[in-house]
């Protein structure tokens, strides 16, 4: 060990300063230059170490480490250049250069081997193209989901219109039967009988058995026609109401059909009431009781089409979940309440079949459904619509047979920096 130390610090050589003839200008020029190079070489590897520590996702971090060791060795060789000006430690300087040479060769070999893999890294232009393709795919998916949501609304509207039309057909059939069996022709018979006795009508009514029965028959006919008229008027009124209901359902859906992707100030409570108006015929037909628990909600920016899409879908799903609830009254509770100063919540709760823990985490997945005739678009399109409005849609259930709760939470005010298009009024 002592022999090695003596070799590295062999003083038989003269310091490098003699080569500079100890001229201060030349000597200090080299010292300052080597000092600045050393400072830079020392700074670079520590900067790389800091970068690798902060960005653990950077590929080929081992290459940066090898490069840092090489740079640090180079900086040490410049330290030896300064030291040998005054001390002839040339063997030590040579050892440092050997270490530097080994580090540089290893780094060069690693770099050469790395080049093929590095060439496979996408260029910024390629990454930009991939990002554009992903954005287009996402936009297409959102459009598909929105169309699925619109189709869901249209399906529910047509379903409810169909239910009302069934009632219209029943009323039309009742009216047809009443007209077909009407007592009206009896009036024509009386008139015909009186026409047969134009000159002796008084004698006919007082003497003829048929004539004597005529006043009593006319009285009973008048009573029957009055009852018949009252019944037909009531049935016509019912028919008119049902036709008006069809017009109301269609008008409600049309009032939101043109509002896609538009935020405008509105009443969420009125919108929820419109949803109930669209769905109430179907709920009544399936003997589902709808319980409304509505708080007052201030005017807020709404994308009415998206909110309609979500709530119609949720109520329709809740109604379907009640189909297997034999032995208990079917009930859907619709709640509207302000959560705090920033958010409002709409809840749709049913006492139906419930959701298993396994399926609860998947109900919003694209294509997921537990029904044989389901397509898995409805709830997925709903959560996308909620997110587009800056809101959230969540599902809760205590398990199979214990009902389910879906919660739509929306901001009371437009979020700063939101990209939603706002109607100017």
Protein backbone atom coordinates (compact mmCIF):
# COMPACT_ATOMS: atom_id res chain seq x y z
CA UNK A 1 0.00 0.00 0.00
CA UNK A 2 2.83 2.36 0.90
CA UNK A 3 4.62 1.43 -2.35
CA UNK A 4 1.49 2.27 -4.34
CA UNK A 5 1.11 5.61 -2.57
CA UNK A 6 4.80 6.38 -3.17
CA UNK A 7 4.37 5.55 -6.86
CA UNK A 8 1.33 7.76 -7.23
CA UNK A 9 3.09 10.67 -5.52
CA UNK A 10 6.58 10.12 -7.04
CA UNK A 11 8.49 13.40 -6.56
CA UNK A 12 11.27 12.55 -8.98
CA UNK A 13 9.24 14.40 -11.58
CA UNK A 14 9.07 18.18 -11.74
CA UNK A 15 5.74 19.97 -11.38
CA UNK A 16 3.90 20.97 -14.57
CA UNK A 17 4.40 24.61 -13.65
CA UNK A 18 7.96 24.40 -14.88
CA UNK A 19 6.58 23.84 -18.39
CA UNK A 20 4.76 27.16 -18.00
CA UNK A 21 8.04 28.68 -16.75
CA UNK A 22 5.92 29.70 -13.77
CA UNK A 23 4.46 32.58 -15.77
CA UNK A 24 1.47 33.75 -13.69
CA UNK A 25 -0.64 34.76 -16.70
CA UNK A 26 -0.29 31.40 -18.44
CA UNK A 27 -0.47 29.41 -15.21
CA UNK A 28 -3.65 31.07 -13.91
CA UNK A 29 -5.30 31.03 -17.29
CA UNK A 30 -5.01 27.23 -17.28
CA UNK A 31 -6.05 27.00 -13.61
CA UNK A 32 -9.16 29.14 -14.12
CA UNK A 33 -10.13 27.30 -17.31
CA UNK A 34 -9.66 23.87 -15.70
CA UNK A 35 -11.49 25.10 -12.59
CA UNK A 36 -14.53 26.25 -14.60
CA UNK A 37 -14.55 23.00 -16.59
CA UNK A 38 -14.38 21.03 -13.33
CA UNK A 39 -17.24 23.05 -11.83
CA UNK A 40 -19.39 22.42 -14.92
CA UNK A 41 -18.50 18.72 -14.99
CA UNK A 42 -19.42 18.35 -11.32
CA UNK A 43 -22.71 20.27 -11.78
CA UNK A 44 -23.94 18.18 -14.73
CA UNK A 45 -24.07 14.74 -12.98
CA UNK A 46 -25.78 16.14 -9.88
CA UNK A 47 -28.32 17.83 -12.15
CA UNK A 48 -28.92 14.50 -13.89
CA UNK A 49 -29.32 12.74 -10.53
CA UNK A 50 -31.89 15.34 -9.45
CA UNK A 51 -33.75 14.96 -12.77
CA UNK A 52 -33.85 11.15 -12.48
CA UNK A 53 -35.08 11.42 -8.89
CA UNK A 54 -37.93 13.74 -9.88
CA UNK A 55 -38.87 12.00 -13.12
CA UNK A 56 -39.01 8.31 -12.33
CA UNK A 57 -40.90 7.68 -15.57
CA UNK A 58 -37.95 8.68 -17.77
CA UNK A 59 -36.79 5.73 -19.93
CA UNK A 60 -33.10 4.76 -20.06
CA UNK A 61 -32.31 6.39 -16.71
CA UNK A 62 -29.34 4.01 -16.40
CA UNK A 63 -27.85 5.67 -19.48
CA UNK A 64 -28.09 9.04 -17.77
CA UNK A 65 -26.37 7.53 -14.72
CA UNK A 66 -23.48 6.16 -16.84
CA UNK A 67 -23.16 9.50 -18.57
CA UNK A 68 -23.04 11.22 -15.19
CA UNK A 69 -20.18 8.98 -13.98
CA UNK A 70 -18.26 9.68 -17.19
CA UNK A 71 -18.73 13.45 -16.80
CA UNK A 72 -17.68 13.31 -13.11
CA UNK A 73 -14.52 11.37 -14.06
CA UNK A 74 -13.72 13.98 -16.71
CA UNK A 75 -14.10 16.72 -14.11
CA UNK A 76 -11.69 14.87 -11.79
CA UNK A 77 -9.08 14.70 -14.55
CA UNK A 78 -9.20 18.49 -14.82
CA UNK A 79 -8.71 18.72 -11.05
CA UNK A 80 -5.51 16.72 -11.54
CA UNK A 81 -4.45 19.16 -14.27
CA UNK A 82 -4.59 21.92 -11.66
CA UNK A 83 -2.88 19.85 -8.97
CA UNK A 84 0.08 18.78 -11.14
CA UNK A 85 0.99 22.40 -11.78
CA UNK A 86 2.41 22.51 -8.26
CA UNK A 87 2.75 18.81 -7.39
CA UNK A 88 4.17 16.13 -9.74
CA UNK A 89 1.41 13.59 -9.08
CA UNK A 90 1.50 12.30 -12.65
CA UNK A 91 0.87 8.65 -11.74
CA UNK A 92 -2.23 9.70 -9.80
CA UNK A 93 -3.27 11.83 -12.77
CA UNK A 94 -2.71 8.87 -15.07
CA UNK A 95 -4.87 6.65 -12.82
CA UNK A 96 -7.66 9.20 -12.96
CA UNK A 97 -7.38 9.29 -16.74
CA UNK A 98 -7.54 5.47 -16.87
CA UNK A 99 -10.73 5.56 -14.81
CA UNK A 100 -12.09 8.30 -17.09
CA UNK A 101 -11.16 6.26 -20.15
CA UNK A 102 -12.95 3.18 -18.79
CA UNK A 103 -16.05 5.23 -17.96
CA UNK A 104 -16.04 6.85 -21.39
CA UNK A 105 -15.63 3.52 -23.20
CA UNK A 106 -18.43 1.90 -21.18
CA UNK A 107 -20.68 4.92 -21.78
CA UNK A 108 -19.91 4.88 -25.51
CA UNK A 109 -20.69 1.15 -25.78
CA UNK A 110 -23.95 1.56 -23.86
CA UNK A 111 -24.90 4.52 -26.03
CA UNK A 112 -24.22 2.59 -29.24
CA UNK A 113 -26.36 -0.31 -27.99
CA UNK A 114 -29.08 2.14 -26.96
CA UNK A 115 -29.41 3.84 -30.34
CA UNK A 116 -31.72 1.19 -31.97
CA UNK A 117 -34.10 1.33 -29.01
CA UNK A 118 -33.95 5.13 -28.91
CA UNK A 119 -34.80 5.30 -32.62
CA UNK A 120 -38.05 3.46 -31.86
CA UNK A 121 -39.18 6.25 -29.55
CA UNK A 122 -41.94 8.21 -31.35
CA UNK A 123 -41.00 11.66 -32.50
CA UNK A 124 -42.97 14.70 -31.24
CA UNK A 125 -44.77 14.76 -34.59
CA UNK A 126 -45.70 11.08 -34.25
CA UNK A 127 -46.86 11.60 -30.67
CA UNK A 128 -48.92 14.59 -31.77
CA UNK A 129 -50.51 12.45 -34.51
CA UNK A 130 -51.31 9.68 -32.02
CA UNK A 131 -52.79 12.26 -29.61
CA UNK A 132 -54.92 13.68 -32.42
CA UNK A 133 -56.15 10.18 -33.29
CA UNK A 134 -56.94 9.51 -29.62
CA UNK A 135 -58.82 12.79 -29.36
CA UNK A 136 -60.79 11.94 -32.49
CA UNK A 137 -61.57 8.48 -31.11
CA UNK A 138 -62.66 9.98 -27.80
CA UNK A 139 -64.81 12.57 -29.56
CA UNK A 140 -66.40 9.82 -31.65
CA UNK A 141 -67.03 7.77 -28.51
CA UNK A 142 -68.64 10.77 -26.79
CA UNK A 143 -70.76 11.42 -29.89
CA UNK A 144 -71.80 7.76 -30.01
CA UNK A 145 -72.66 7.84 -26.31
CA UNK A 146 -74.62 11.06 -26.76
CA UNK A 147 -76.54 9.54 -29.66
CA UNK A 148 -77.18 6.48 -27.53
CA UNK A 149 -78.49 8.77 -24.81
CA UNK A 150 -80.71 10.59 -27.31
CA UNK A 151 -81.96 7.23 -28.56
CA UNK A 152 -82.67 6.26 -24.95
CA UNK A 153 -84.80 9.37 -24.52
CA UNK A 154 -86.57 8.76 -27.83
CA UNK A 155 -87.24 5.15 -26.81
CA UNK A 156 -88.77 6.27 -23.52
CA UNK A 157 -90.81 8.97 -25.24
CA UNK A 158 -92.13 6.49 -27.79
CA UNK A 159 -92.81 3.98 -25.00
CA UNK A 160 -94.88 6.53 -23.09
CA UNK A 161 -96.64 7.72 -26.24
CA UNK A 162 -97.40 4.08 -27.01
CA UNK A 163 -98.92 3.63 -23.56
CA UNK A 164 -101.16 6.66 -24.07
CA UNK A 165 -102.10 5.46 -27.54
CA UNK A 166 -103.25 2.19 -26.01
CA UNK A 167 -105.60 4.21 -23.83
CA UNK A 168 -106.71 6.20 -26.87
CA UNK A 169 -107.52 2.95 -28.67
CA UNK A 170 -109.53 1.77 -25.67
CA UNK A 171 -111.52 5.03 -25.62
CA UNK A 172 -112.09 4.84 -29.39
CA UNK A 173 -113.35 1.26 -29.04
CA UNK A 174 -115.70 2.24 -26.23
CA UNK A 175 -117.09 5.12 -28.31
CA UNK A 176 -117.53 2.81 -31.30
CA UNK A 177 -119.49 0.32 -29.23
CA UNK A 178 -121.63 3.04 -27.70
CA UNK A 179 -122.46 4.47 -31.12
CA UNK A 180 -123.06 0.97 -32.51
CA UNK A 181 -125.51 0.15 -29.71
CA UNK A 182 -126.99 3.64 -29.45
CA UNK A 183 -130.70 4.19 -28.72
CA UNK A 184 -130.74 6.91 -31.38
CA UNK A 185 -132.42 4.74 -34.05
CA UNK A 186 -135.41 4.50 -31.68
CA UNK A 187 -136.16 8.14 -32.42
CA UNK A 188 -136.41 7.34 -36.12
CA UNK A 189 -138.89 4.55 -35.35
CA UNK A 190 -141.10 6.96 -33.37
CA UNK A 191 -141.00 9.49 -36.18
CA UNK A 192 -141.90 6.83 -38.73
CA UNK A 193 -144.82 5.66 -36.57
CA UNK A 194 -146.16 9.22 -36.25
CA UNK A 195 -145.81 9.79 -40.00
CA UNK A 196 -148.11 6.82 -40.57
CA UNK A 197 -150.96 8.66 -38.74
CA UNK A 198 -150.75 12.24 -39.94
CA UNK A 199 -154.56 12.83 -39.83
CA UNK A 200 -155.57 10.86 -36.74
CA UNK A 201 -152.48 11.26 -34.54
CA UNK A 202 -154.63 12.24 -31.53
CA UNK A 203 -156.87 9.21 -31.84
CA UNK A 204 -153.86 7.00 -32.48
CA UNK A 205 -152.15 8.09 -29.23
CA UNK A 206 -155.35 7.86 -27.20
CA UNK A 207 -156.95 4.74 -28.70
CA UNK A 208 -154.37 2.56 -30.40
CA UNK A 209 -152.29 0.33 -28.03
CA UNK A 210 -149.14 1.31 -29.90
CA UNK A 211 -150.07 4.97 -29.69
CA UNK A 212 -150.84 4.79 -25.96
CA UNK A 213 -147.36 3.26 -25.35
CA UNK A 214 -145.66 6.03 -27.31
CA UNK A 215 -145.33 8.72 -24.54
CA UNK A 216 -143.90 6.22 -22.07
CA UNK A 217 -141.50 4.94 -24.72
CA UNK A 218 -140.41 8.49 -25.56
CA UNK A 219 -139.75 9.20 -21.89
CA UNK A 220 -137.58 6.11 -21.48
CA UNK A 221 -135.83 6.86 -24.78
CA UNK A 222 -135.03 10.40 -23.64
CA UNK A 223 -133.57 9.09 -20.38
CA UNK A 224 -131.47 6.49 -22.23
CA UNK A 225 -130.22 9.07 -24.73
CA UNK A 226 -129.30 11.46 -21.91
CA UNK A 227 -127.27 8.75 -20.13
CA UNK A 228 -125.70 7.76 -23.42
CA UNK A 229 -124.79 11.37 -24.21
CA UNK A 230 -123.26 11.93 -20.77
CA UNK A 231 -121.19 8.75 -21.07
CA UNK A 232 -119.94 9.63 -24.54
CA UNK A 233 -119.07 13.19 -23.52
CA UNK A 234 -117.06 11.82 -20.58
CA UNK A 235 -115.28 9.33 -22.84
CA UNK A 236 -114.55 12.07 -25.40
CA UNK A 237 -113.15 14.27 -22.64
CA UNK A 238 -110.90 11.39 -21.55
CA UNK A 239 -109.84 10.87 -25.15
CA UNK A 240 -109.03 14.57 -25.54
CA UNK A 241 -106.95 14.53 -22.36
CA UNK A 242 -104.98 11.53 -23.59
CA UNK A 243 -104.34 13.14 -26.97
CA UNK A 244 -103.24 16.31 -25.18
CA UNK A 245 -100.92 14.16 -23.06
CA UNK A 246 -99.31 12.75 -26.20
CA UNK A 247 -98.80 16.28 -27.53
CA UNK A 248 -97.39 17.30 -24.14
CA UNK A 249 -94.89 14.41 -24.05
CA UNK A 250 -93.70 15.11 -27.58
CA UNK A 251 -93.53 18.87 -26.98
CA UNK A 252 -91.50 18.34 -23.79
CA UNK A 253 -89.00 16.14 -25.62
CA UNK A 254 -88.79 18.56 -28.56
CA UNK A 255 -88.15 21.51 -26.23
CA UNK A 256 -84.86 19.90 -25.21
CA UNK A 257 -83.89 18.25 -28.49
CA UNK A 258 -82.09 21.36 -29.78
CA UNK A 259 -80.19 22.15 -26.61
CA UNK A 260 -77.34 19.65 -26.96
CA UNK A 261 -74.05 20.93 -25.49
CA UNK A 262 -75.54 24.30 -24.52
CA UNK A 263 -75.51 25.68 -21.00
CA UNK A 264 -78.20 28.19 -20.23
CA UNK A 265 -79.71 29.54 -17.02
CA UNK A 266 -82.74 27.54 -16.00
CA UNK A 267 -84.76 25.89 -13.25
CA UNK A 268 -83.62 22.37 -12.41
CA UNK A 269 -86.88 21.78 -10.56
CA UNK A 270 -88.95 22.56 -13.66
CA UNK A 271 -86.70 20.27 -15.69
CA UNK A 272 -87.18 17.43 -13.21
CA UNK A 273 -90.95 18.00 -13.35
CA UNK A 274 -90.75 17.66 -17.15
CA UNK A 275 -88.93 14.35 -16.70
CA UNK A 276 -91.76 13.17 -14.46
CA UNK A 277 -94.28 14.28 -17.08
CA UNK A 278 -92.53 12.16 -19.71
CA UNK A 279 -92.34 9.08 -17.49
CA UNK A 280 -95.55 9.18 -15.44
CA UNK A 281 -97.74 7.25 -17.91
CA UNK A 282 -95.30 4.35 -18.01
CA UNK A 283 -94.94 4.40 -14.23
CA UNK A 284 -98.72 4.38 -13.77
CA UNK A 285 -99.09 1.53 -16.26
CA UNK A 286 -96.59 -0.57 -14.30
CA UNK A 287 -98.21 0.44 -10.98
CA UNK A 288 -95.09 2.24 -9.74
CA UNK A 289 -95.55 4.93 -7.11
CA UNK A 290 -93.34 7.98 -7.67
CA UNK A 291 -92.55 9.92 -4.50
CA UNK A 292 -91.27 13.46 -5.06
CA UNK A 293 -89.14 15.21 -2.46
CA UNK A 294 -88.14 18.54 -4.01
CA UNK A 295 -86.33 21.44 -2.33
CA UNK A 296 -86.14 24.90 -3.83
CA UNK A 297 -83.10 25.20 -6.07
CA UNK A 298 -81.79 28.52 -7.41
CA UNK A 299 -81.47 29.22 -11.12
CA UNK A 300 -78.32 27.58 -12.43
CA UNK A 301 -76.52 26.92 -15.74
CA UNK A 302 -78.01 23.77 -17.24
CA UNK A 303 -77.43 21.64 -20.28
CA UNK A 304 -81.08 20.68 -20.35
CA UNK A 305 -80.75 17.96 -22.96
CA UNK A 306 -78.04 16.13 -21.01
CA UNK A 307 -79.91 16.39 -17.69
CA UNK A 308 -83.08 15.11 -19.38
CA UNK A 309 -81.10 12.25 -20.93
CA UNK A 310 -79.63 11.23 -17.56
CA UNK A 311 -82.80 11.42 -15.48
CA UNK A 312 -85.10 9.72 -18.02
CA UNK A 313 -82.55 6.92 -18.25
CA UNK A 314 -82.25 6.58 -14.46
CA UNK A 315 -86.03 6.48 -13.93
CA UNK A 316 -86.44 3.97 -16.75
CA UNK A 317 -83.73 1.75 -15.22
CA UNK A 318 -85.34 2.05 -11.79
CA UNK A 319 -88.70 1.02 -13.24
CA UNK A 320 -87.12 -2.02 -14.89
CA UNK A 321 -85.41 -2.93 -11.61
CA UNK A 322 -88.85 -3.04 -9.96
CA UNK A 323 -90.14 -5.66 -12.37
CA UNK A 324 -88.94 -8.54 -10.22
CA UNK A 325 -90.08 -7.05 -6.93
CA UNK A 326 -92.99 -9.39 -6.38
CA UNK A 327 -94.67 -9.17 -3.00
CA UNK A 328 -93.85 -5.53 -2.29
CA UNK A 329 -95.28 -2.25 -3.62
CA UNK A 330 -93.07 -0.73 -6.31
CA UNK A 331 -91.76 2.70 -5.37
CA UNK A 332 -89.33 5.22 -6.85
CA UNK A 333 -88.26 8.21 -4.78
CA UNK A 334 -87.08 11.26 -6.70
CA UNK A 335 -85.21 13.83 -4.60
CA UNK A 336 -83.92 17.29 -5.47
CA UNK A 337 -81.81 19.12 -2.91
CA UNK A 338 -79.00 21.65 -2.54
CA UNK A 339 -75.85 20.01 -1.13
CA UNK A 340 -73.95 23.21 -0.31
CA UNK A 341 -73.20 26.60 -1.83
CA UNK A 342 -71.60 24.99 -4.87
CA UNK A 343 -73.53 21.83 -5.77
CA UNK A 344 -77.06 20.48 -6.20
CA UNK A 345 -78.07 16.84 -6.16
CA UNK A 346 -80.78 14.79 -7.88
CA UNK A 347 -81.36 11.32 -6.41
CA UNK A 348 -83.29 8.44 -7.98
CA UNK A 349 -83.90 5.65 -5.47
CA UNK A 350 -85.88 2.45 -5.99
CA UNK A 351 -86.79 -0.51 -3.79
CA UNK A 352 -86.15 -3.01 -6.57
CA UNK A 353 -83.74 -5.83 -7.27
CA UNK A 354 -80.60 -3.97 -6.14
CA UNK A 355 -77.03 -4.32 -7.43
CA UNK A 356 -74.39 -6.81 -6.34
CA UNK A 357 -71.02 -5.56 -5.06
CA UNK A 358 -69.31 -7.09 -8.09
CA UNK A 359 -71.55 -5.27 -10.57
CA UNK A 360 -71.70 -1.99 -8.65
CA UNK A 361 -68.23 -1.03 -9.81
CA UNK A 362 -69.06 -1.81 -13.43
CA UNK A 363 -72.51 -0.29 -13.99
CA UNK A 364 -71.05 2.71 -15.86
CA UNK A 365 -68.70 0.68 -18.07
CA UNK A 366 -69.28 0.88 -21.81
CA UNK A 367 -71.14 -2.23 -22.96
CA UNK A 368 -71.81 -3.61 -19.47
CA UNK A 369 -75.37 -4.83 -18.86
CA UNK A 370 -77.09 -7.52 -16.82
CA UNK A 371 -80.19 -7.65 -19.03
CA UNK A 372 -80.59 -10.00 -21.97
CA UNK A 373 -81.97 -7.19 -24.15
CA UNK A 374 -79.63 -4.49 -22.83
CA UNK A 375 -76.92 -2.77 -24.87
CA UNK A 376 -74.80 -1.22 -22.10
CA UNK A 377 -74.85 2.31 -23.58
CA UNK A 378 -77.35 4.02 -21.31
CA UNK A 379 -75.51 4.48 -18.01
CA UNK A 380 -72.17 4.92 -19.80
CA UNK A 381 -73.58 7.78 -21.85
CA UNK A 382 -75.11 9.22 -18.67
CA UNK A 383 -71.82 9.39 -16.77
CA UNK A 384 -70.10 10.93 -19.80
CA UNK A 385 -72.84 13.57 -19.97
CA UNK A 386 -72.48 14.26 -16.23
CA UNK A 387 -68.73 14.73 -16.56
CA UNK A 388 -69.18 17.03 -19.56
CA UNK A 389 -71.32 19.28 -17.33
CA UNK A 390 -68.67 19.28 -14.58
CA UNK A 391 -70.82 16.97 -12.46
CA UNK A 392 -70.67 13.41 -11.18
CA UNK A 393 -72.91 10.35 -11.32
CA UNK A 394 -72.59 7.64 -8.68
CA UNK A 395 -74.43 4.43 -7.82
CA UNK A 396 -75.06 2.92 -4.38
CA UNK A 397 -76.73 -0.33 -3.33
CA UNK A 398 -76.76 -2.44 -0.17
CA UNK A 399 -76.88 -5.57 -2.34
CA UNK A 400 -79.32 -7.80 -4.24
CA UNK A 401 -82.95 -7.28 -3.25
CA UNK A 402 -82.18 -4.07 -1.34
CA UNK A 403 -82.81 -1.46 -4.01
CA UNK A 404 -80.43 1.05 -5.56
CA UNK A 405 -79.67 4.76 -5.35
CA UNK A 406 -78.27 6.81 -8.23
CA UNK A 407 -76.99 10.30 -7.45
CA UNK A 408 -76.48 13.04 -10.03
CA UNK A 409 -74.49 15.95 -8.60
CA UNK A 410 -74.20 19.17 -10.61
CA UNK A 411 -72.39 22.48 -9.98
CA UNK A 412 -74.56 25.45 -9.13
CA UNK A 413 -72.23 27.73 -11.06
CA UNK A 414 -70.18 27.31 -14.23
CA UNK A 415 -66.69 26.12 -13.37
CA UNK A 416 -63.87 28.54 -14.19
CA UNK A 417 -62.21 27.65 -17.48
CA UNK A 418 -65.05 25.37 -18.53
CA UNK A 419 -65.18 24.59 -22.24
CA UNK A 420 -68.97 24.30 -22.28
CA UNK A 421 -70.70 26.56 -24.78
CA UNK A 422 -73.04 28.96 -22.96
CA UNK A 423 -76.20 30.30 -24.56
CA UNK A 424 -76.17 34.08 -24.69
CA UNK A 425 -79.87 34.31 -24.20
